[in-house]
PDB file of N, CA and C in Angstrom:
ATOM      1  N   MET A   1      26.387 -21.427  19.533  1.00  0.00           N
ATOM      2  CA  MET A   1      26.498 -19.629  18.889  1.00  0.00           C
ATOM      3  C   MET A   1      24.941 -19.192  18.847  1.00  0.00           C
ATOM      4  N   ALA A   2      24.925 -17.954  19.272  1.00  0.00           N
ATOM      5  CA  ALA A   2      23.508 -17.612  19.546  1.00  0.00           C
ATOM      6  C   ALA A   2      22.524 -17.273  18.330  1.00  0.00           C
ATOM      7  N   ASN A   3      21.401 -17.452  18.355  1.00  0.00           N
ATOM      8  CA  ASN A   3      20.520 -17.192  17.137  1.00  0.00           C
ATOM      9  C   ASN A   3      20.388 -15.513  17.040  1.00  0.00           C
ATOM     10  N   THR A   4      21.373 -14.864  16.593  1.00  0.00           N
ATOM     11  CA  THR A   4      20.710 -13.285  16.293  1.00  0.00           C
ATOM     12  C   THR A   4      20.531 -13.119  14.944  1.00  0.00           C
ATOM     13  N   ALA A   5      20.071 -11.825  14.740  1.00  0.00           N
ATOM     14  CA  ALA A   5      19.857 -11.499  13.380  1.00  0.00           C
ATOM     15  C   ALA A   5      21.065 -11.479  12.457  1.00  0.00           C
ATOM     16  N   ALA A   6      22.468 -11.075  13.308  1.00  0.00           N
ATOM     17  CA  ALA A   6      23.587 -10.960  12.612  1.00  0.00           C
ATOM     18  C   ALA A   6      24.045 -12.227  12.075  1.00  0.00           C
ATOM     19  N   SER A   7      23.499 -13.204  12.735  1.00  0.00           N
ATOM     20  CA  SER A   7      24.061 -14.796  12.460  1.00  0.00           C
ATOM     21  C   SER A   7      23.077 -15.377  11.684  1.00  0.00           C
ATOM     22  N   ARG A   8      22.141 -14.850  11.379  1.00  0.00           N
ATOM     23  CA  ARG A   8      21.028 -15.717  10.087  1.00  0.00           C
ATOM     24  C   ARG A   8      21.349 -15.123   8.792  1.00  0.00           C
ATOM     25  N   PRO A   9      21.036 -15.870   7.789  1.00  0.00           N
ATOM     26  CA  PRO A   9      21.165 -15.308   6.442  1.00  0.00           C
ATOM     27  C   PRO A   9      19.808 -14.396   6.092  1.00  0.00           C
ATOM     28  N   ALA A  10      20.047 -13.162   5.534  1.00  0.00           N
ATOM     29  CA  ALA A  10      19.361 -12.244   5.125  1.00  0.00           C
ATOM     30  C   ALA A  10      18.310 -13.045   4.342  1.00  0.00           C
ATOM     31  N   ALA A  11      16.981 -12.581   4.634  1.00  0.00           N
ATOM     32  CA  ALA A  11      15.594 -13.311   3.741  1.00  0.00           C
ATOM     33  C   ALA A  11      14.982 -12.116   3.127  1.00  0.00           C
ATOM     34  N   ASP A  12      14.719 -12.333   1.846  1.00  0.00           N
ATOM     35  CA  ASP A  12      13.993 -11.576   1.177  1.00  0.00           C
ATOM     36  C   ASP A  12      12.839 -11.037   1.721  1.00  0.00           C
ATOM     37  N   ALA A  13      12.169  -9.946   1.819  1.00  0.00           N
ATOM     38  CA  ALA A  13      10.737  -9.508   2.537  1.00  0.00           C
ATOM     39  C   ALA A  13       9.729 -10.004   1.454  1.00  0.00           C
ATOM     40  N   GLY A  14       9.688 -10.088   0.315  1.00  0.00           N
ATOM     41  CA  GLY A  14       8.939 -10.587  -0.438  1.00  0.00           C
ATOM     42  C   GLY A  14       8.871 -12.168  -0.333  1.00  0.00           C
ATOM     43  N   THR A  15       9.704 -12.847  -0.011  1.00  0.00           N
ATOM     44  CA  THR A  15       9.501 -14.299   0.439  1.00  0.00           C
ATOM     45  C   THR A  15       8.995 -14.706   1.728  1.00  0.00           C
ATOM     46  N   LEU A  16       9.145 -13.782   2.602  1.00  0.00           N
ATOM     47  CA  LEU A  16       8.473 -14.125   3.748  1.00  0.00           C
ATOM     48  C   LEU A  16       7.001 -13.827   4.091  1.00  0.00           C
ATOM     49  N   ALA A  17       6.537 -13.004   3.322  1.00  0.00           N
ATOM     50  CA  ALA A  17       5.167 -12.831   2.921  1.00  0.00           C
ATOM     51  C   ALA A  17       4.511 -13.483   2.280  1.00  0.00           C
ATOM     52  N   PHE A  18       5.118 -14.098   1.187  1.00  0.00           N
ATOM     53  CA  PHE A  18       4.438 -14.833  -0.019  1.00  0.00           C
ATOM     54  C   PHE A  18       5.662 -15.966  -0.121  1.00  0.00           C
ATOM     55  N   PRO A  19       5.537 -16.932   0.511  1.00  0.00           N
ATOM     56  CA  PRO A  19       6.620 -17.998   0.262  1.00  0.00           C
ATOM     57  C   PRO A  19       6.312 -18.871  -1.067  1.00  0.00           C
ATOM     58  N   GLY A  20       7.462 -18.848  -1.764  1.00  0.00           N
ATOM     59  CA  GLY A  20       7.693 -19.525  -3.113  1.00  0.00           C
ATOM     60  C   GLY A  20       7.251 -18.402  -4.333  1.00  0.00           C
ATOM     61  N   ARG A  21       7.273 -17.019  -3.717  1.00  0.00           N
ATOM     62  CA  ARG A  21       6.816 -15.952  -4.875  1.00  0.00           C
ATOM     63  C   ARG A  21       7.802 -14.672  -4.431  1.00  0.00           C
ATOM     64  N   THR A  22       8.163 -14.096  -5.356  1.00  0.00           N
ATOM     65  CA  THR A  22       8.800 -12.905  -5.250  1.00  0.00           C
ATOM     66  C   THR A  22       8.239 -11.636  -5.682  1.00  0.00           C
ATOM     67  N   LEU A  23       8.314 -10.486  -4.920  1.00  0.00           N
ATOM     68  CA  LEU A  23       7.232  -9.370  -5.278  1.00  0.00           C
ATOM     69  C   LEU A  23       8.451  -8.332  -5.951  1.00  0.00           C
ATOM     70  N   ASP A  24       7.703  -7.869  -7.068  1.00  0.00           N
ATOM     71  CA  ASP A  24       8.519  -6.853  -7.690  1.00  0.00           C
ATOM     72  C   ASP A  24       8.388  -5.530  -7.056  1.00  0.00           C
ATOM     73  N   PRO A  25       9.477  -4.609  -6.948  1.00  0.00           N
ATOM     74  CA  PRO A  25       9.213  -3.287  -6.139  1.00  0.00           C
ATOM     75  C   PRO A  25       8.414  -2.464  -6.919  1.00  0.00           C
ATOM     76  N   ILE A  26       7.865  -1.532  -6.354  1.00  0.00           N
ATOM     77  CA  ILE A  26       6.639  -0.576  -6.901  1.00  0.00           C
ATOM     78  C   ILE A  26       7.684   0.579  -7.754  1.00  0.00           C
ATOM     79  N   PRO A  27       6.944   0.760  -9.196  1.00  0.00           N
ATOM     80  CA  PRO A  27       7.562   1.443 -10.118  1.00  0.00           C
ATOM     81  C   PRO A  27       7.603   3.014  -9.468  1.00  0.00           C
ATOM     82  N   ALA A  28       8.339   3.585  -9.725  1.00  0.00           N
ATOM     83  CA  ALA A  28       8.636   5.048  -9.160  1.00  0.00           C
ATOM     84  C   ALA A  28       7.345   6.196  -9.626  1.00  0.00           C
ATOM     85  N   ASP A  29       6.975   5.773 -10.771  1.00  0.00           N
ATOM     86  CA  ASP A  29       5.721   6.645 -11.272  1.00  0.00           C
ATOM     87  C   ASP A  29       4.318   6.343 -10.482  1.00  0.00           C
ATOM     88  N   ARG A  30       4.420   5.108  -9.807  1.00  0.00           N
ATOM     89  CA  ARG A  30       3.235   4.824  -8.945  1.00  0.00           C
ATOM     90  C   ARG A  30       3.406   5.052  -7.415  1.00  0.00           C
ATOM     91  N   LEU A  31       4.785   4.881  -6.948  1.00  0.00           N
ATOM     92  CA  LEU A  31       4.879   5.466  -5.702  1.00  0.00           C
ATOM     93  C   LEU A  31       4.099   6.298  -4.893  1.00  0.00           C
ATOM     94  N   THR A  32       4.356   7.619  -5.654  1.00  0.00           N
ATOM     95  CA  THR A  32       3.673   8.707  -4.962  1.00  0.00           C
ATOM     96  C   THR A  32       1.997   8.282  -4.634  1.00  0.00           C
ATOM     97  N   ALA A  33       1.456   7.815  -5.425  1.00  0.00           N
ATOM     98  CA  ALA A  33      -0.083   7.138  -5.187  1.00  0.00           C
ATOM     99  C   ALA A  33      -0.099   6.309  -4.215  1.00  0.00           C
ATOM    100  N   VAL A  34       0.615   5.487  -4.157  1.00  0.00           N
ATOM    101  CA  VAL A  34       0.819   4.435  -3.132  1.00  0.00           C
ATOM    102  C   VAL A  34       0.869   5.157  -1.701  1.00  0.00           C
ATOM    103  N   LEU A  35       1.982   5.699  -1.608  1.00  0.00           N
ATOM    104  CA  LEU A  35       2.570   6.596  -0.466  1.00  0.00           C
ATOM    105  C   LEU A  35       1.247   7.431  -0.026  1.00  0.00           C
ATOM    106  N   GLY A  36       0.325   8.080  -0.834  1.00  0.00           N
ATOM    107  CA  GLY A  36      -0.472   9.198  -0.806  1.00  0.00           C
ATOM    108  C   GLY A  36      -1.817   8.210  -0.294  1.00  0.00           C
ATOM    109  N   ALA A  37      -2.062   7.059  -0.703  1.00  0.00           N
ATOM    110  CA  ALA A  37      -3.181   6.358  -0.258  1.00  0.00           C
ATOM    111  C   ALA A  37      -2.930   5.760   1.268  1.00  0.00           C
ATOM    112  N   PHE A  38      -1.723   5.279   1.400  1.00  0.00           N
ATOM    113  CA  PHE A  38      -1.130   4.979   2.608  1.00  0.00           C
ATOM    114  C   PHE A  38      -1.308   5.946   3.644  1.00  0.00           C
ATOM    115  N   ASN A  39      -0.896   7.091   3.564  1.00  0.00           N
ATOM    116  CA  ASN A  39      -0.880   8.667   4.190  1.00  0.00           C
ATOM    117  C   ASN A  39      -2.105   8.752   4.790  1.00  0.00           C
ATOM    118  N   ALA A  40      -3.120   8.850   3.856  1.00  0.00           N
ATOM    119  CA  ALA A  40      -4.433   9.266   3.908  1.00  0.00           C
ATOM    120  C   ALA A  40      -5.020   8.517   4.964  1.00  0.00           C
ATOM    121  N   SER A  41      -4.881   7.164   4.542  1.00  0.00           N
ATOM    122  CA  SER A  41      -5.645   6.075   5.391  1.00  0.00           C
ATOM    123  C   SER A  41      -5.279   6.138   6.693  1.00  0.00           C
ATOM    124  N   ASN A  42      -3.860   6.327   6.958  1.00  0.00           N
ATOM    125  CA  ASN A  42      -3.523   6.190   8.485  1.00  0.00           C
ATOM    126  C   ASN A  42      -4.082   7.613   9.138  1.00  0.00           C
ATOM    127  N   LEU A  43      -4.064   8.467   8.291  1.00  0.00           N
ATOM    128  CA  LEU A  43      -4.601   9.857   8.887  1.00  0.00           C
ATOM    129  C   LEU A  43      -5.894   9.732   9.251  1.00  0.00           C
ATOM    130  N   ALA A  44      -6.766   9.110   8.260  1.00  0.00           N
ATOM    131  CA  ALA A  44      -7.974   9.078   8.343  1.00  0.00           C
ATOM    132  C   ALA A  44      -8.417   8.106   9.834  1.00  0.00           C
ATOM    133  N   SER A  45      -7.499   7.000   9.672  1.00  0.00           N
ATOM    134  CA  SER A  45      -7.813   6.084  11.114  1.00  0.00           C
ATOM    135  C   SER A  45      -7.537   6.825  12.243  1.00  0.00           C
ATOM    136  N   SER A  46      -6.500   7.927  12.440  1.00  0.00           N
ATOM    137  CA  SER A  46      -6.017   8.608  13.482  1.00  0.00           C
ATOM    138  C   SER A  46      -7.389   9.727  13.845  1.00  0.00           C
ATOM    139  N   TYR A  47      -7.875  10.278  12.752  1.00  0.00           N
ATOM    140  CA  TYR A  47      -9.118  11.117  12.979  1.00  0.00           C
ATOM    141  C   TYR A  47     -10.360  10.406  13.419  1.00  0.00           C
ATOM    142  N   ILE A  48     -10.466   9.185  13.227  1.00  0.00           N
ATOM    143  CA  ILE A  48     -11.681   8.462  13.544  1.00  0.00           C
ATOM    144  C   ILE A  48     -11.570   7.945  15.102  1.00  0.00           C
ATOM    145  N   GLU A  49     -10.492   7.731  15.615  1.00  0.00           N
ATOM    146  CA  GLU A  49      -9.998   7.302  16.776  1.00  0.00           C
ATOM    147  C   GLU A  49     -10.290   8.630  17.654  1.00  0.00           C
ATOM    148  N   ARG A  50     -10.001   9.698  17.297  1.00  0.00           N
ATOM    149  CA  ARG A  50     -10.356  11.107  18.145  1.00  0.00           C
ATOM    150  C   ARG A  50     -11.917  11.543  17.699  1.00  0.00           C
ATOM    151  N   GLY A  51     -12.410  10.868  17.145  1.00  0.00           N
ATOM    152  CA  GLY A  51     -14.015  11.436  16.704  1.00  0.00           C
ATOM    153  C   GLY A  51     -14.200  12.410  15.901  1.00  0.00           C
ATOM    154  N   ASN A  52     -13.106  12.984  15.157  1.00  0.00           N
ATOM    155  CA  ASN A  52     -13.292  14.017  14.272  1.00  0.00           C
ATOM    156  C   ASN A  52     -13.615  13.316  12.558  1.00  0.00           C
ATOM    157  N   PHE A  53     -14.789  13.037  12.557  1.00  0.00           N
ATOM    158  CA  PHE A  53     -15.127  12.271  11.265  1.00  0.00           C
ATOM    159  C   PHE A  53     -15.072  12.937   9.986  1.00  0.00           C
ATOM    160  N   THR A  54     -15.269  14.408  10.191  1.00  0.00           N
ATOM    161  CA  THR A  54     -15.220  15.459   8.878  1.00  0.00           C
ATOM    162  C   THR A  54     -13.886  14.955   8.258  1.00  0.00           C
ATOM    163  N   ALA A  55     -12.853  15.192   9.162  1.00  0.00           N
ATOM    164  CA  ALA A  55     -11.589  15.067   8.549  1.00  0.00           C
ATOM    165  C   ALA A  55     -11.169  13.794   8.170  1.00  0.00           C
ATOM    166  N   ALA A  56     -11.967  12.825   8.973  1.00  0.00           N
ATOM    167  CA  ALA A  56     -11.556  11.428   8.578  1.00  0.00           C
ATOM    168  C   ALA A  56     -12.303  11.095   7.313  1.00  0.00           C
ATOM    169  N   ARG A  57     -13.385  11.647   6.895  1.00  0.00           N
ATOM    170  CA  ARG A  57     -14.202  11.518   5.483  1.00  0.00           C
ATOM    171  C   ARG A  57     -13.121  12.290   4.475  1.00  0.00           C
ATOM    172  N   ARG A  58     -12.740  13.415   4.858  1.00  0.00           N
ATOM    173  CA  ARG A  58     -11.979  13.876   3.683  1.00  0.00           C
ATOM    174  C   ARG A  58     -10.525  13.213   3.315  1.00  0.00           C
ATOM    175  N   LYS A  59      -9.932  12.608   4.425  1.00  0.00           N
ATOM    176  CA  LYS A  59      -8.737  11.836   4.184  1.00  0.00           C
ATOM    177  C   LYS A  59      -9.101  10.410   3.571  1.00  0.00           C
ATOM    178  N   LEU A  60     -10.354   9.905   3.749  1.00  0.00           N
ATOM    179  CA  LEU A  60     -10.607   8.796   3.000  1.00  0.00           C
ATOM    180  C   LEU A  60     -10.831   9.008   1.589  1.00  0.00           C
ATOM    181  N   VAL A  61     -11.680  10.301   1.211  1.00  0.00           N
ATOM    182  CA  VAL A  61     -11.823  10.517  -0.194  1.00  0.00           C
ATOM    183  C   VAL A  61     -10.299  10.535  -0.795  1.00  0.00           C
ATOM    184  N   GLN A  62      -9.356  11.296  -0.143  1.00  0.00           N
ATOM    185  CA  GLN A  62      -7.944  11.357  -0.785  1.00  0.00           C
ATOM    186  C   GLN A  62      -7.432   9.936  -1.011  1.00  0.00           C
ATOM    187  N   ALA A  63      -7.621   9.131  -0.120  1.00  0.00           N
ATOM    188  CA  ALA A  63      -7.147   7.695  -0.106  1.00  0.00           C
ATOM    189  C   ALA A  63      -7.896   7.164  -1.194  1.00  0.00           C
ATOM    190  N   LEU A  64      -9.113   7.246  -1.525  1.00  0.00           N
ATOM    191  CA  LEU A  64     -10.007   6.593  -2.510  1.00  0.00           C
ATOM    192  C   LEU A  64      -9.226   7.255  -4.012  1.00  0.00           C
ATOM    193  N   ASN A  65      -8.939   8.431  -4.122  1.00  0.00           N
ATOM    194  CA  ASN A  65      -8.676   8.870  -5.099  1.00  0.00           C
ATOM    195  C   ASN A  65      -7.132   8.623  -5.579  1.00  0.00           C
ATOM    196  N   ALA A  66      -6.449   8.163  -4.758  1.00  0.00           N
ATOM    197  CA  ALA A  66      -4.924   7.713  -4.834  1.00  0.00           C
ATOM    198  C   ALA A  66      -5.280   6.390  -5.579  1.00  0.00           C
ATOM    199  N   VAL A  67      -5.966   5.591  -4.814  1.00  0.00           N
ATOM    200  CA  VAL A  67      -6.347   4.263  -5.198  1.00  0.00           C
ATOM    201  C   VAL A  67      -6.858   4.215  -6.823  1.00  0.00           C
ATOM    202  N   ASN A  68      -7.699   4.932  -7.060  1.00  0.00           N
ATOM    203  CA  ASN A  68      -8.211   5.252  -8.497  1.00  0.00           C
ATOM    204  C   ASN A  68      -7.146   5.488  -9.484  1.00  0.00           C
ATOM    205  N   GLN A  69      -6.354   6.333  -8.813  1.00  0.00           N
ATOM    206  CA  GLN A  69      -5.176   6.795  -9.682  1.00  0.00           C
ATOM    207  C   GLN A  69      -4.317   5.551 -10.325  1.00  0.00           C
ATOM    208  N   LEU A  70      -3.917   4.613  -9.063  1.00  0.00           N
ATOM    209  CA  LEU A  70      -3.362   3.370  -9.252  1.00  0.00           C
ATOM    210  C   LEU A  70      -4.031   2.516 -10.287  1.00  0.00           C
ATOM    211  N   GLN A  71      -5.376   2.545 -10.309  1.00  0.00           N
ATOM    212  CA  GLN A  71      -5.948   1.502 -11.001  1.00  0.00           C
ATOM    213  C   GLN A  71      -6.056   1.819 -12.384  1.00  0.00           C
ATOM    214  N   SER A  72      -6.450   3.059 -12.417  1.00  0.00           N
ATOM    215  CA  SER A  72      -6.464   3.882 -13.828  1.00  0.00           C
ATOM    216  C   SER A  72      -5.016   3.758 -14.433  1.00  0.00           C
ATOM    217  N   GLY A  73      -4.030   3.637 -13.829  1.00  0.00           N
ATOM    218  CA  GLY A  73      -2.648   3.682 -14.293  1.00  0.00           C
ATOM    219  C   GLY A  73      -2.193   2.327 -14.729  1.00  0.00           C
ATOM    220  N   LEU A  74      -2.961   1.260 -14.205  1.00  0.00           N
ATOM    221  CA  LEU A  74      -2.648  -0.282 -14.334  1.00  0.00           C
ATOM    222  C   LEU A  74      -3.642  -0.578 -15.890  1.00  0.00           C
ATOM    223  N   SER A  75      -4.966  -0.014 -15.704  1.00  0.00           N
ATOM    224  CA  SER A  75      -5.414  -0.336 -16.855  1.00  0.00           C
ATOM    225  C   SER A  75      -5.262   0.209 -18.131  1.00  0.00           C
ATOM    226  N   SER A  76      -4.454   1.564 -18.222  1.00  0.00           N
ATOM    227  CA  SER A  76      -4.047   2.154 -19.091  1.00  0.00           C
ATOM    228  C   SER A  76      -2.727   1.502 -19.667  1.00  0.00           C
ATOM    229  N   ALA A  77      -1.987   0.787 -18.526  1.00  0.00           N
ATOM    230  CA  ALA A  77      -0.791  -0.053 -19.017  1.00  0.00           C
ATOM    231  C   ALA A  77      -1.081  -1.283 -19.625  1.00  0.00           C
ATOM    232  N   GLY A  78      -2.432  -1.948 -19.672  1.00  0.00           N
ATOM    233  CA  GLY A  78      -2.815  -2.932 -20.129  1.00  0.00           C
ATOM    234  C   GLY A  78      -2.508  -4.178 -19.008  1.00  0.00           C
ATOM    235  N   VAL A  79      -2.874  -4.058 -17.844  1.00  0.00           N
ATOM    236  CA  VAL A  79      -2.605  -4.688 -16.570  1.00  0.00           C
ATOM    237  C   VAL A  79      -3.971  -4.747 -16.151  1.00  0.00           C
ATOM    238  N   GLU A  80      -4.690  -6.068 -15.896  1.00  0.00           N
ATOM    239  CA  GLU A  80      -5.936  -6.099 -15.365  1.00  0.00           C
ATOM    240  C   GLU A  80      -5.759  -6.074 -13.616  1.00  0.00           C
ATOM    241  N   ALA A  81      -6.429  -5.159 -13.162  1.00  0.00           N
ATOM    242  CA  ALA A  81      -6.330  -4.922 -11.796  1.00  0.00           C
ATOM    243  C   ALA A  81      -7.032  -6.324 -11.169  1.00  0.00           C
ATOM    244  N   LYS A  82      -6.423  -6.333  -9.790  1.00  0.00           N
ATOM    245  CA  LYS A  82      -6.965  -7.484  -9.376  1.00  0.00           C
ATOM    246  C   LYS A  82      -8.081  -7.043  -8.247  1.00  0.00           C
ATOM    247  N   GLY A  83      -9.342  -7.885  -7.854  1.00  0.00           N
ATOM    248  CA  GLY A  83     -10.214  -7.275  -7.129  1.00  0.00           C
ATOM    249  C   GLY A  83     -11.466  -7.290  -7.972  1.00  0.00           C
ATOM    250  N   GLY A  84     -12.605  -7.012  -6.823  1.00  0.00           N
ATOM    251  CA  GLY A  84     -13.851  -6.828  -7.543  1.00  0.00           C
ATOM    252  C   GLY A  84     -14.075  -5.532  -7.928  1.00  0.00           C
ATOM    253  N   ALA A  85     -15.329  -5.481  -8.714  1.00  0.00           N
ATOM    254  CA  ALA A  85     -15.401  -4.220  -9.532  1.00  0.00           C
ATOM    255  C   ALA A  85     -16.264  -3.383  -8.231  1.00  0.00           C
ATOM    256  N   ALA A  86     -16.174  -1.963  -8.773  1.00  0.00           N
ATOM    257  CA  ALA A  86     -16.840  -1.105  -7.523  1.00  0.00           C
ATOM    258  C   ALA A  86     -18.052  -0.960  -8.042  1.00  0.00           C
TER     259      ALA A  86
END
Protein backbone atom coordinates (compact mmCIF):
# COMPACT_ATOMS: atom_id res chain seq x y z
CA MET A 1 0.00 0.00 0.00
CA ALA A 2 1.31 3.46 -0.88
CA ASN A 3 2.20 5.86 1.90
CA THR A 4 -0.02 8.79 0.97
CA ALA A 5 -1.67 11.50 3.02
CA ALA A 6 -4.97 9.67 2.70
CA SER A 7 -3.53 6.44 4.12
CA ARG A 8 -1.87 8.06 7.16
CA PRO A 9 -3.81 9.05 10.26
CA ALA A 10 -4.34 12.78 10.63
CA ALA A 11 -1.93 14.42 13.08
CA ASP A 12 -2.65 17.47 15.18
CA ALA A 13 -0.54 20.40 13.96
CA GLY A 14 0.28 21.35 17.54
CA THR A 15 1.77 17.95 18.31
CA LEU A 16 3.94 18.06 15.18
CA ALA A 17 5.55 21.38 16.08
CA PHE A 18 5.77 20.68 19.82
CA PRO A 19 5.85 16.92 20.54
CA GLY A 20 4.16 16.02 23.81
CA ARG A 21 2.38 19.37 24.04
CA THR A 22 -0.90 20.51 22.58
CA LEU A 23 -1.49 24.11 21.62
CA ASP A 24 -4.63 26.00 22.42
CA PRO A 25 -6.33 27.88 19.60
CA ILE A 26 -5.95 31.66 19.47
CA PRO A 27 -8.94 33.32 21.18
CA ALA A 28 -11.16 35.27 18.78
CA ASP A 29 -10.65 38.54 20.65
CA ARG A 30 -6.87 38.36 20.03
CA LEU A 31 -7.03 36.97 16.51
CA THR A 32 -7.29 40.39 14.87
CA ALA A 33 -4.09 41.58 16.56
CA VAL A 34 -2.23 38.36 15.67
CA LEU A 35 -3.26 38.58 12.02
CA GLY A 36 -2.50 42.31 11.94
CA ALA A 37 1.03 41.73 13.23
CA PHE A 38 1.58 38.87 10.80
CA ASN A 39 0.31 40.85 7.82
CA ALA A 40 2.26 44.00 8.67
CA SER A 41 5.46 41.98 9.16
CA ASN A 42 5.08 40.27 5.79
CA LEU A 43 4.42 43.56 4.05
CA ALA A 44 7.44 45.14 5.76
CA SER A 45 9.61 42.28 4.54
CA SER A 46 8.33 42.77 1.01
CA TYR A 47 8.99 46.51 1.16
CA ILE A 48 12.53 45.91 2.43
CA GLU A 49 13.23 43.55 -0.48
CA ARG A 50 12.12 46.31 -2.86
CA GLY A 51 14.19 48.97 -1.08
CA ASN A 52 11.16 50.94 0.14
CA PHE A 53 12.40 51.52 3.68
CA THR A 54 9.92 54.28 4.50
CA ALA A 55 6.97 51.96 3.89
CA ALA A 56 8.76 49.10 5.68
CA ARG A 57 9.25 51.29 8.76
CA ARG A 58 5.57 52.25 8.73
CA LYS A 59 4.52 48.57 8.56
CA LEU A 60 6.97 47.55 11.30
CA VAL A 61 5.45 50.20 13.57
CA GLN A 62 2.02 48.70 12.85
CA ALA A 63 3.34 45.21 13.63
CA LEU A 64 4.85 46.35 16.93
CA ASN A 65 1.61 48.09 17.90
CA ALA A 66 -0.28 44.85 17.28
CA VAL A 67 2.22 42.91 19.40
CA ASN A 68 1.89 45.50 22.17
CA GLN A 69 -1.89 45.07 22.01
CA LEU A 70 -1.45 41.35 22.52
CA GLN A 71 0.94 41.80 25.43
CA SER A 72 -1.26 44.37 27.14
CA GLY A 73 -4.24 42.05 26.67
CA LEU A 74 -2.33 39.20 28.28
CA SER A 75 -1.15 41.26 31.23
CA SER A 76 -4.64 42.63 31.87
CA ALA A 77 -5.95 39.05 31.86
CA GLY A 78 -3.43 38.12 34.56
CA VAL A 79 -1.21 36.07 32.23
CA GLU A 80 2.53 36.71 32.27
CA ALA A 81 3.89 37.25 28.78
CA LYS A 82 6.92 35.14 27.88
CA GLY A 83 10.06 36.80 26.61
CA GLY A 84 12.44 39.50 27.69
CA ALA A 85 11.53 42.97 28.78
CA ALA A 86 11.74 45.67 26.14
